[in-house]
Protein backbone atom coordinates (compact mmCIF):
# COMPACT_ATOMS: atom_id res chain seq x y z
CA MET A 1 -19.60 -32.54 22.61
CA ILE A 2 -16.12 -32.34 24.34
CA LEU A 3 -13.68 -35.33 23.69
CA ARG A 4 -10.68 -35.46 25.75
CA LEU A 5 -7.68 -36.97 23.69
CA PHE A 6 -5.24 -36.98 26.41
CA VAL A 7 -4.22 -35.08 29.61
CA MET A 8 -0.29 -34.24 30.71
CA THR A 9 0.49 -32.72 33.82
CA ILE A 10 3.64 -30.43 33.63
CA PHE A 11 5.60 -29.65 36.74
CA ILE A 12 6.89 -26.25 36.91
CA PHE A 13 9.74 -25.14 39.54
CA SER A 14 10.50 -21.30 40.38
CA PHE A 15 12.29 -19.93 43.17
CA GLY A 16 12.08 -22.69 45.27
CA LEU A 17 7.94 -23.52 44.59
CA SER A 18 6.10 -25.81 42.52
CA TYR A 19 2.68 -26.18 40.82
CA THR A 20 1.63 -28.02 37.91
CA ALA A 21 -0.46 -26.54 34.70
CA THR A 22 -2.59 -29.50 33.01
CA ALA A 23 -2.30 -29.39 29.26
CA GLU A 24 -4.91 -31.27 27.33
CA LYS A 25 -5.64 -32.24 23.84
CA MET A 26 -9.23 -31.11 23.12
CA MET A 27 -11.83 -31.62 20.52
CA TYR A 28 -15.03 -29.20 20.88
CA ASP A 29 -18.35 -29.64 19.04
CA LEU A 30 -19.84 -26.35 20.04
CA PRO A 31 -23.61 -25.62 20.44
CA ASN A 32 -23.53 -22.78 17.76
CA GLY A 33 -21.60 -25.00 15.21
CA ASP A 34 -18.21 -23.77 15.85
CA TYR A 35 -15.16 -26.50 16.16
CA TYR A 36 -11.95 -26.83 17.97
CA GLU A 37 -9.14 -29.06 18.11
CA GLY A 38 -6.10 -28.60 19.73
CA ASP A 39 -3.82 -27.65 22.92
CA ILE A 40 -5.89 -26.41 26.25
CA VAL A 41 -4.02 -25.59 29.31
CA ASN A 42 -5.66 -24.79 32.47
CA GLY A 43 -9.00 -24.27 30.57
CA VAL A 44 -7.63 -22.04 27.92
CA LYS A 45 -6.52 -22.46 24.28
CA GLN A 46 -2.74 -22.45 24.56
CA GLY A 47 -0.25 -23.76 22.15
CA ARG A 48 -1.53 -25.27 18.61
CA GLY A 49 -5.10 -25.80 17.42
CA ILE A 50 -7.51 -25.33 14.98
CA TYR A 51 -10.86 -23.64 15.04
CA ARG A 52 -13.57 -23.47 12.61
CA TRP A 53 -16.37 -21.32 12.72
CA SER A 54 -19.81 -22.13 11.50
CA ASN A 55 -20.04 -19.67 8.88
CA GLY A 56 -16.72 -20.80 7.60
CA ASP A 57 -13.75 -19.15 8.60
CA ARG A 58 -11.17 -21.07 9.71
CA TYR A 59 -7.88 -20.62 11.79
CA GLU A 60 -4.94 -23.00 12.30
CA GLY A 61 -1.81 -21.79 14.35
CA GLU A 62 -0.75 -20.71 17.70
CA TRP A 63 -2.79 -19.72 20.53
CA HIS A 64 -1.71 -17.85 23.53
CA ASN A 65 -4.48 -17.19 26.51
CA ASN A 66 -7.56 -18.10 24.08
CA GLN A 67 -6.07 -15.60 21.53
CA PHE A 68 -4.22 -16.06 18.03
CA SER A 69 -0.47 -15.36 19.05
CA GLY A 70 2.58 -16.60 17.02
CA GLU A 71 2.46 -18.21 13.56
CA GLY A 72 -0.62 -19.14 12.04
CA THR A 73 -3.22 -19.51 9.12
CA PHE A 74 -6.62 -17.50 8.89
CA THR A 75 -8.92 -18.51 6.04
CA PHE A 76 -12.12 -16.60 5.79
CA ALA A 77 -15.19 -18.01 4.38
CA ASN A 78 -14.73 -15.78 1.08
CA GLN A 79 -11.50 -17.77 0.50
CA ASP A 80 -9.40 -14.28 1.66
CA ARG A 81 -6.48 -15.72 3.57
CA TYR A 82 -4.05 -14.41 5.85
CA GLN A 83 -0.53 -16.37 6.70
CA GLY A 84 1.83 -15.09 9.09
CA GLU A 85 2.79 -13.42 12.56
CA TRP A 86 -0.01 -12.90 14.91
CA LYS A 87 -0.04 -10.93 18.42
CA THR A 88 -2.89 -10.70 20.59
CA GLY A 89 -5.90 -11.84 18.38
CA GLN A 90 -4.57 -9.51 15.27
CA PHE A 91 -2.25 -9.58 12.20
CA ASP A 92 1.15 -8.03 13.69
CA GLY A 93 4.67 -8.80 12.35
CA ASN A 94 5.67 -10.40 8.96
CA GLY A 95 2.79 -11.88 7.12
CA THR A 96 1.17 -12.36 3.68
CA TYR A 97 -2.55 -11.73 3.09
CA THR A 98 -4.02 -13.17 -0.19
CA TRP A 99 -7.77 -11.84 -1.54
CA ALA A 100 -10.03 -14.10 -3.10
CA SER A 101 -9.74 -11.71 -6.26
CA GLY A 102 -6.08 -12.57 -6.74
CA SER A 103 -4.47 -9.56 -4.90
CA ARG A 104 -1.76 -10.33 -2.49
CA TYR A 105 0.26 -8.14 0.13
CA VAL A 106 3.35 -9.06 1.39
CA GLY A 107 5.33 -7.49 4.30
CA LYS A 108 4.75 -6.04 7.84
CA PHE A 109 1.37 -5.39 9.76
CA LYS A 110 0.66 -3.96 13.20
CA ASN A 111 -2.58 -4.26 15.14
CA GLY A 112 -4.17 -5.78 11.89
CA GLN A 113 -3.09 -3.50 9.79
CA LYS A 114 -0.59 -2.84 6.82
CA HIS A 115 2.08 -1.03 8.42
CA GLY A 116 6.09 -0.62 7.85
CA PHE A 117 7.62 -1.99 4.35
CA GLY A 118 5.48 -4.37 2.15
CA GLU A 119 4.66 -5.19 -1.30
CA TYR A 120 0.95 -5.08 -2.63
CA ILE A 121 0.27 -6.72 -6.02
CA TRP A 122 -3.09 -6.20 -7.43
CA GLY A 123 -4.97 -9.19 -9.39
CA GLU A 124 -4.51 -7.37 -12.95
CA GLY A 125 -0.73 -6.93 -12.20
CA GLU A 126 -0.39 -3.24 -10.87
CA ARG A 127 2.08 -3.58 -8.14
CA TYR A 128 3.55 -0.72 -5.34
CA GLU A 129 6.40 -1.67 -2.95
CA GLY A 130 6.91 0.75 -0.20
CA ASN A 131 6.11 1.99 3.07
CA TRP A 132 2.69 1.60 4.96
CA GLN A 133 1.10 3.38 7.73
CA LYS A 134 -2.32 2.21 9.07
CA ASN A 135 -3.22 0.38 5.76
CA LYS A 136 -2.38 3.23 3.80
CA ARG A 137 0.71 3.78 1.41
CA SER A 138 2.66 6.46 3.17
CA GLY A 139 6.27 7.50 2.93
CA LYS A 140 8.37 6.44 0.06
CA GLY A 141 7.51 3.94 -2.43
CA THR A 142 7.26 2.55 -5.96
CA ARG A 143 4.50 1.89 -8.08
CA TYR A 144 4.27 0.03 -11.28
CA TRP A 145 1.35 -0.37 -13.80
CA PRO A 146 0.87 -3.11 -16.44
CA ASP A 147 0.69 -0.77 -19.39
CA GLY A 148 4.52 0.52 -18.58
CA LYS A 149 3.71 3.44 -16.35
CA LYS A 150 5.79 3.85 -13.04
CA TYR A 151 5.91 6.09 -10.15
CA ILE A 152 8.95 6.69 -7.61
CA GLY A 153 8.48 9.05 -4.85
CA GLU A 154 6.40 9.86 -1.78
CA TYR A 155 2.88 8.92 -0.30
CA ARG A 156 0.77 10.32 2.37
CA ASN A 157 -2.82 8.85 3.10
CA ASP A 158 -2.63 6.54 0.00
CA LYS A 159 -1.95 9.31 -2.43
CA ARG A 160 0.90 10.37 -4.29
CA HIS A 161 2.03 13.37 -2.12
CA GLY A 162 5.26 15.51 -1.92
CA LYS A 163 8.33 14.71 -4.53
CA GLY A 164 7.93 12.20 -6.89
CA VAL A 165 9.10 11.26 -10.75
CA MET A 166 6.23 9.27 -13.09
CA THR A 167 7.54 7.85 -16.42
CA TRP A 168 5.28 6.87 -19.20
CA PRO A 169 6.32 3.87 -21.95
CA GLU A 170 6.16 6.40 -24.47
CA GLY A 171 8.89 8.37 -22.92
CA GLU A 172 7.19 11.04 -21.33
CA LYS A 173 8.47 11.83 -17.97
CA TYR A 174 7.52 14.12 -14.90
CA VAL A 175 9.89 15.45 -12.42
CA GLY A 176 8.62 17.40 -9.62
CA GLU A 177 5.67 17.95 -6.76
CA TYR A 178 2.75 16.08 -6.05
CA GLN A 179 -0.54 17.03 -3.81
CA ASN A 180 -3.56 14.49 -3.50
CA GLY A 181 -2.75 12.37 -5.97
CA HIS A 182 -2.14 15.17 -8.71
CA GLN A 183 0.92 16.71 -10.43
CA SER A 184 0.62 20.05 -8.56
CA GLY A 185 3.58 22.32 -7.44
CA THR A 186 6.71 22.97 -9.40
CA GLY A 187 7.90 20.68 -11.94
CA VAL A 188 9.51 19.73 -15.05
CA LEU A 189 7.50 17.59 -17.92
CA THR A 190 9.48 16.35 -20.84
CA TRP A 191 8.56 14.58 -24.04
CA PRO A 192 10.66 11.99 -25.94
CA ASP A 193 10.57 14.39 -29.15
CA GLY A 194 12.17 17.09 -27.33
CA HIS A 195 9.73 19.42 -26.03
CA ARG A 196 9.97 20.74 -22.41
CA TYR A 197 7.87 22.46 -19.90
CA GLU A 198 9.40 23.96 -16.75
CA GLY A 199 6.98 25.50 -14.20
CA GLN A 200 3.72 25.42 -12.24
CA PHE A 201 1.25 22.37 -12.00
CA VAL A 202 -2.28 22.49 -10.78
CA LYS A 203 -4.24 18.79 -10.73
CA ASN A 204 -1.74 17.59 -13.70
CA LYS A 205 -2.27 20.46 -16.02
CA LYS A 206 0.18 23.69 -16.83
CA THR A 207 -1.05 26.19 -14.55
CA GLY A 208 0.71 29.29 -13.36
CA GLU A 209 4.27 30.51 -14.74
CA GLY A 210 5.95 28.35 -16.74
CA THR A 211 8.43 27.75 -19.71
CA PHE A 212 7.59 25.86 -22.57
CA LEU A 213 10.80 25.08 -24.73
CA TRP A 214 10.07 23.40 -28.47
CA PRO A 215 13.01 21.01 -29.98
CA ASN A 216 14.14 23.46 -32.26
CA GLY A 217 14.67 26.15 -29.29
CA ASP A 218 11.88 28.26 -29.77
CA LYS A 219 10.93 29.29 -26.25
CA TYR A 220 7.53 30.60 -24.44
CA VAL A 221 7.89 31.99 -21.08
CA GLY A 222 4.69 33.17 -19.42
CA ARG A 223 1.55 32.19 -17.84
CA PHE A 224 -0.18 28.89 -18.26
CA VAL A 225 -4.32 28.50 -17.38
CA ASP A 226 -5.24 24.61 -17.97
CA ASP A 227 -2.49 23.49 -20.06
CA LEU A 228 -2.58 26.57 -22.43
CA PRO A 229 -0.86 30.17 -22.90
CA GLU A 230 -2.40 32.66 -21.55
CA GLY A 231 -1.84 36.64 -21.22
CA GLU A 232 1.11 38.52 -22.23
CA SER A 233 4.17 36.83 -22.30
CA THR A 234 7.86 36.56 -23.86
CA CYS A 235 8.60 34.74 -26.81
CA TYR A 236 11.87 33.75 -28.38
CA PHE A 237 11.17 32.36 -32.25
CA SER A 238 14.39 32.00 -34.38
CA GLY A 239 16.75 33.28 -31.63
CA LYS A 240 14.68 36.76 -31.32
CA GLU A 241 12.51 38.08 -28.63
CA GLU A 242 9.35 39.55 -28.93
CA LYS A 243 5.94 40.26 -26.85
CA CYS A 244 3.35 37.83 -27.75
CA VAL A 245 -0.08 37.83 -26.44
CA TYR A 246 -2.37 34.81 -26.04
CA ARG A 247 -5.50 33.64 -25.36
CA ARG A 248 -6.62 30.20 -24.81
CA GLY A 249 -3.62 29.07 -26.29
CA GLN A 250 -4.07 31.43 -29.41
CA ARG A 251 -1.85 34.22 -30.25
CA ILE A 252 -3.59 36.77 -30.66
CA ASN A 253 -0.79 39.66 -31.69
């Protein structure tokens, strides 16, 4: 069923010529159960309008050539909601997407995806603010955990990748390189009681060449495997240098 509420004829003048565009307020009850109420110009949705789908989805906002364009709000049947700018039927520009679970993203969109600077807040309180590329964290950003952990650094393909700083609420701190979400490469790990490690990491474990220092000045310089000293090394205990050999973290000489 189509109900025409009113008709307005608009005269447009350009370069000495004139033509008319017919703007109408329409209400559509479509055979498939969808519903539209809003502006129609020359047979297409143009201006402001509300569209309700039979599955429960709903859009209210601006239209251009039958597409969402400008400012608008889309509410999904599952109660997810996007409110913000649109271009050619997609999220594009500044907007807020809120999930039914309570998670929320506020920031830039492009071609329907999170792209540019934005803040994502998980329902349980975790938060990320920084750069996005095609729906993934990419570039520089900061992530906060509810338990007090914090990461400041680089991301690639939604994972910590590049240089970064990770701190824990107990006072532990890592400064160094990340690969695919793990501490991998060269880094420095410090503990609040004064212990310190400088050297190589592989997937969050001390692996490769490194130096471990105790608060009293003792020092181990050598190789690590899976967080443990391994092989022949140089040790400094009570200010004296000595050769030492470790197997699986235990000194054997």
